[in-house]
N, C-alpha and C. Protein backbone atom coordinates (compact mmCIF):
# COMPACT_ATOMS: atom_id res chain seq x y z
N MET A 1 144.07 75.93 201.16
CA MET A 1 143.27 76.61 200.18
C MET A 1 142.09 77.30 200.88
N SER A 2 141.89 78.55 200.55
CA SER A 2 140.81 79.28 201.19
C SER A 2 139.49 78.98 200.49
N LYS A 3 138.41 79.14 201.22
CA LYS A 3 137.08 78.87 200.68
C LYS A 3 136.47 80.17 200.18
N VAL A 4 137.01 80.67 199.07
CA VAL A 4 136.55 81.92 198.47
C VAL A 4 136.34 81.69 196.98
N CYS A 5 135.22 82.17 196.46
CA CYS A 5 134.94 82.05 195.03
C CYS A 5 135.85 83.01 194.28
N GLU A 6 136.51 82.52 193.23
CA GLU A 6 137.46 83.33 192.48
C GLU A 6 136.78 84.26 191.48
N ILE A 7 135.49 84.08 191.25
CA ILE A 7 134.75 84.94 190.32
C ILE A 7 133.97 86.02 191.06
N THR A 8 133.21 85.63 192.08
CA THR A 8 132.34 86.58 192.77
C THR A 8 132.94 87.13 194.06
N GLY A 9 133.94 86.44 194.61
CA GLY A 9 134.53 86.89 195.86
C GLY A 9 133.75 86.47 197.09
N LYS A 10 132.75 85.60 196.92
CA LYS A 10 131.97 85.14 198.06
C LYS A 10 132.84 84.34 199.00
N LYS A 11 132.62 84.51 200.32
CA LYS A 11 133.35 83.74 201.31
C LYS A 11 132.42 83.41 202.47
N ALA A 12 132.91 82.66 203.44
CA ALA A 12 132.09 82.18 204.54
C ALA A 12 131.54 83.33 205.37
N MET A 13 130.30 83.13 205.85
CA MET A 13 129.67 84.08 206.78
C MET A 13 129.52 83.38 208.12
N PHE A 14 129.33 84.16 209.17
CA PHE A 14 129.19 83.60 210.50
C PHE A 14 127.86 84.02 211.10
N GLY A 15 127.30 83.13 211.91
CA GLY A 15 126.02 83.40 212.55
C GLY A 15 125.88 82.56 213.80
N ASN A 16 124.65 82.29 214.19
CA ASN A 16 124.39 81.55 215.41
C ASN A 16 123.53 80.33 215.14
N ASN A 17 123.83 79.23 215.86
CA ASN A 17 122.87 78.14 216.01
C ASN A 17 121.98 78.55 217.17
N VAL A 18 120.68 78.43 217.00
CA VAL A 18 119.75 78.80 218.08
C VAL A 18 118.97 77.55 218.46
N SER A 19 119.11 77.13 219.71
CA SER A 19 118.43 75.93 220.18
C SER A 19 117.00 76.27 220.58
N PHE A 20 116.25 75.22 220.93
CA PHE A 20 114.86 75.41 221.36
C PHE A 20 114.78 76.30 222.59
N SER A 21 115.78 76.20 223.47
CA SER A 21 115.79 77.04 224.67
C SER A 21 116.47 78.39 224.42
N ILE A 22 116.69 78.71 223.15
CA ILE A 22 117.25 79.98 222.67
C ILE A 22 118.68 80.21 223.17
N ASN A 23 119.44 79.11 223.35
CA ASN A 23 120.87 79.25 223.59
C ASN A 23 121.53 79.48 222.23
N LYS A 24 122.49 80.37 222.18
CA LYS A 24 123.14 80.69 220.92
C LYS A 24 124.60 80.26 220.94
N THR A 25 125.01 79.55 219.90
CA THR A 25 126.40 79.18 219.74
C THR A 25 126.80 79.58 218.32
N ARG A 26 128.06 79.98 218.18
CA ARG A 26 128.52 80.47 216.88
C ARG A 26 128.63 79.34 215.87
N ARG A 27 128.30 79.63 214.63
CA ARG A 27 128.43 78.67 213.55
C ARG A 27 128.92 79.39 212.31
N ARG A 28 129.20 78.60 211.27
CA ARG A 28 129.78 79.14 210.06
C ARG A 28 128.94 78.70 208.86
N PHE A 29 128.61 79.63 207.98
CA PHE A 29 127.89 79.33 206.74
C PHE A 29 128.93 79.32 205.62
N ASP A 30 129.29 78.12 205.16
CA ASP A 30 130.29 78.01 204.10
C ASP A 30 129.67 78.25 202.73
N VAL A 31 130.50 78.61 201.77
CA VAL A 31 130.07 78.85 200.40
C VAL A 31 130.03 77.51 199.67
N ASN A 32 129.07 77.36 198.78
CA ASN A 32 128.94 76.14 197.98
C ASN A 32 129.91 76.24 196.80
N LEU A 33 131.16 75.78 197.00
CA LEU A 33 132.20 75.89 195.98
C LEU A 33 132.43 74.58 195.26
N SER A 34 132.82 74.67 194.01
CA SER A 34 133.27 73.50 193.26
C SER A 34 134.43 73.91 192.38
N LYS A 35 135.35 72.98 192.19
CA LYS A 35 136.52 73.21 191.36
C LYS A 35 136.14 72.82 189.93
N LYS A 36 136.31 73.72 188.98
CA LYS A 36 135.83 73.49 187.62
C LYS A 36 136.85 73.98 186.61
N ARG A 37 137.00 73.23 185.52
CA ARG A 37 137.88 73.64 184.43
C ARG A 37 137.06 74.31 183.34
N PHE A 38 137.58 75.41 182.82
CA PHE A 38 136.90 76.15 181.74
C PHE A 38 137.86 76.33 180.59
N TYR A 39 137.32 76.23 179.38
CA TYR A 39 138.12 76.47 178.18
C TYR A 39 137.87 77.89 177.69
N ILE A 40 138.95 78.64 177.49
CA ILE A 40 138.86 80.01 176.99
C ILE A 40 139.31 79.99 175.53
N PRO A 41 138.37 80.12 174.58
CA PRO A 41 138.75 80.01 173.16
C PRO A 41 139.62 81.17 172.68
N GLU A 42 139.47 82.37 173.25
CA GLU A 42 140.28 83.51 172.82
C GLU A 42 141.77 83.28 173.10
N GLU A 43 142.07 82.66 174.24
CA GLU A 43 143.45 82.39 174.63
C GLU A 43 143.88 80.97 174.28
N ASP A 44 142.93 80.14 173.83
CA ASP A 44 143.18 78.75 173.45
C ASP A 44 143.85 77.98 174.59
N ARG A 45 143.25 78.06 175.80
CA ARG A 45 143.80 77.34 176.95
C ARG A 45 142.69 77.01 177.95
N TRP A 46 143.00 76.09 178.84
CA TRP A 46 142.10 75.70 179.92
C TRP A 46 142.55 76.37 181.22
N ILE A 47 141.59 76.77 182.05
CA ILE A 47 141.92 77.28 183.39
C ILE A 47 141.05 76.54 184.40
N THR A 48 141.56 76.38 185.59
CA THR A 48 140.82 75.76 186.68
C THR A 48 140.50 76.83 187.72
N LEU A 49 139.22 76.95 188.06
CA LEU A 49 138.78 77.94 189.02
C LEU A 49 137.94 77.29 190.10
N LYS A 50 137.99 77.83 191.32
CA LYS A 50 137.06 77.46 192.37
C LYS A 50 135.93 78.47 192.32
N VAL A 51 134.74 78.00 191.92
CA VAL A 51 133.62 78.91 191.73
C VAL A 51 132.42 78.46 192.55
N SER A 52 131.60 79.42 192.94
CA SER A 52 130.35 79.12 193.62
C SER A 52 129.31 78.72 192.58
N THR A 53 128.22 78.15 193.05
CA THR A 53 127.18 77.74 192.12
C THR A 53 126.53 78.94 191.45
N ARG A 54 126.48 80.05 192.13
CA ARG A 54 125.94 81.27 191.52
C ARG A 54 126.84 81.74 190.38
N ALA A 55 128.15 81.64 190.57
CA ALA A 55 129.08 82.01 189.51
C ALA A 55 128.95 81.08 188.31
N LEU A 56 128.68 79.79 188.57
CA LEU A 56 128.46 78.85 187.47
C LEU A 56 127.24 79.25 186.64
N LYS A 57 126.18 79.69 187.33
CA LYS A 57 124.99 80.14 186.61
C LYS A 57 125.29 81.37 185.76
N SER A 58 126.10 82.27 186.29
CA SER A 58 126.49 83.46 185.53
C SER A 58 127.32 83.09 184.32
N ILE A 59 128.22 82.12 184.48
CA ILE A 59 129.06 81.68 183.37
C ILE A 59 128.22 81.03 182.29
N ASN A 60 127.23 80.23 182.69
CA ASN A 60 126.35 79.59 181.71
C ASN A 60 125.53 80.63 180.95
N LYS A 61 125.16 81.72 181.62
CA LYS A 61 124.32 82.73 180.99
C LYS A 61 125.13 83.67 180.09
N LYS A 62 126.24 84.20 180.61
CA LYS A 62 126.99 85.24 179.90
C LYS A 62 128.17 84.71 179.10
N GLY A 63 128.73 83.58 179.51
CA GLY A 63 129.93 83.04 178.89
C GLY A 63 131.14 83.32 179.76
N ILE A 64 132.13 82.46 179.67
CA ILE A 64 133.30 82.54 180.54
C ILE A 64 134.11 83.80 180.27
N SER A 65 134.23 84.22 179.03
CA SER A 65 135.05 85.39 178.70
C SER A 65 134.49 86.66 179.32
N ALA A 66 133.17 86.85 179.21
CA ALA A 66 132.53 88.05 179.76
C ALA A 66 132.62 88.07 181.29
N VAL A 67 132.43 86.91 181.90
CA VAL A 67 132.46 86.83 183.37
C VAL A 67 133.88 87.08 183.89
N LEU A 68 134.89 86.52 183.21
CA LEU A 68 136.28 86.76 183.62
C LEU A 68 136.66 88.23 183.48
N LYS A 69 136.16 88.86 182.43
CA LYS A 69 136.44 90.28 182.21
C LYS A 69 135.87 91.13 183.34
N GLU A 70 134.62 90.83 183.75
CA GLU A 70 133.99 91.55 184.86
C GLU A 70 134.73 91.30 186.17
N ALA A 71 135.14 90.05 186.40
CA ALA A 71 135.81 89.71 187.65
C ALA A 71 137.18 90.38 187.75
N LYS A 72 137.89 90.47 186.62
CA LYS A 72 139.19 91.15 186.64
C LYS A 72 139.02 92.63 186.91
N ALA A 73 137.94 93.22 186.38
CA ALA A 73 137.68 94.65 186.62
C ALA A 73 137.38 94.90 188.10
N LYS A 74 136.71 93.93 188.75
CA LYS A 74 136.40 94.08 190.18
C LYS A 74 137.56 93.65 191.06
N GLY A 75 138.56 92.97 190.48
CA GLY A 75 139.74 92.57 191.25
C GLY A 75 139.60 91.23 191.95
N PHE A 76 138.70 90.35 191.49
CA PHE A 76 138.49 89.07 192.16
C PHE A 76 139.35 87.95 191.60
N VAL A 77 139.62 87.93 190.31
CA VAL A 77 140.32 86.80 189.71
C VAL A 77 141.78 86.83 190.11
N ILE A 78 142.26 85.70 190.60
CA ILE A 78 143.64 85.59 191.08
C ILE A 78 144.58 85.29 189.91
N LYS A 79 144.12 84.45 188.98
CA LYS A 79 144.98 83.97 187.90
C LYS A 79 144.98 84.89 186.71
């Protein structure tokens, strides 16, 4: 399973660990993902999505139906 948010499309970024002596080694910044079930009343069904915490905040503010509609328009939703 890939570590990509199904609503926003966020994925891991890469950067450097920088030590006190300014040696640089590559590191990875992972996305804060959680697997969550949502109920869609229009379709009368449950769906399970891997979403970032930012996407959860958007869902709480706008509602799952509006957020799914925007994500499908942008091409992010897989299901």
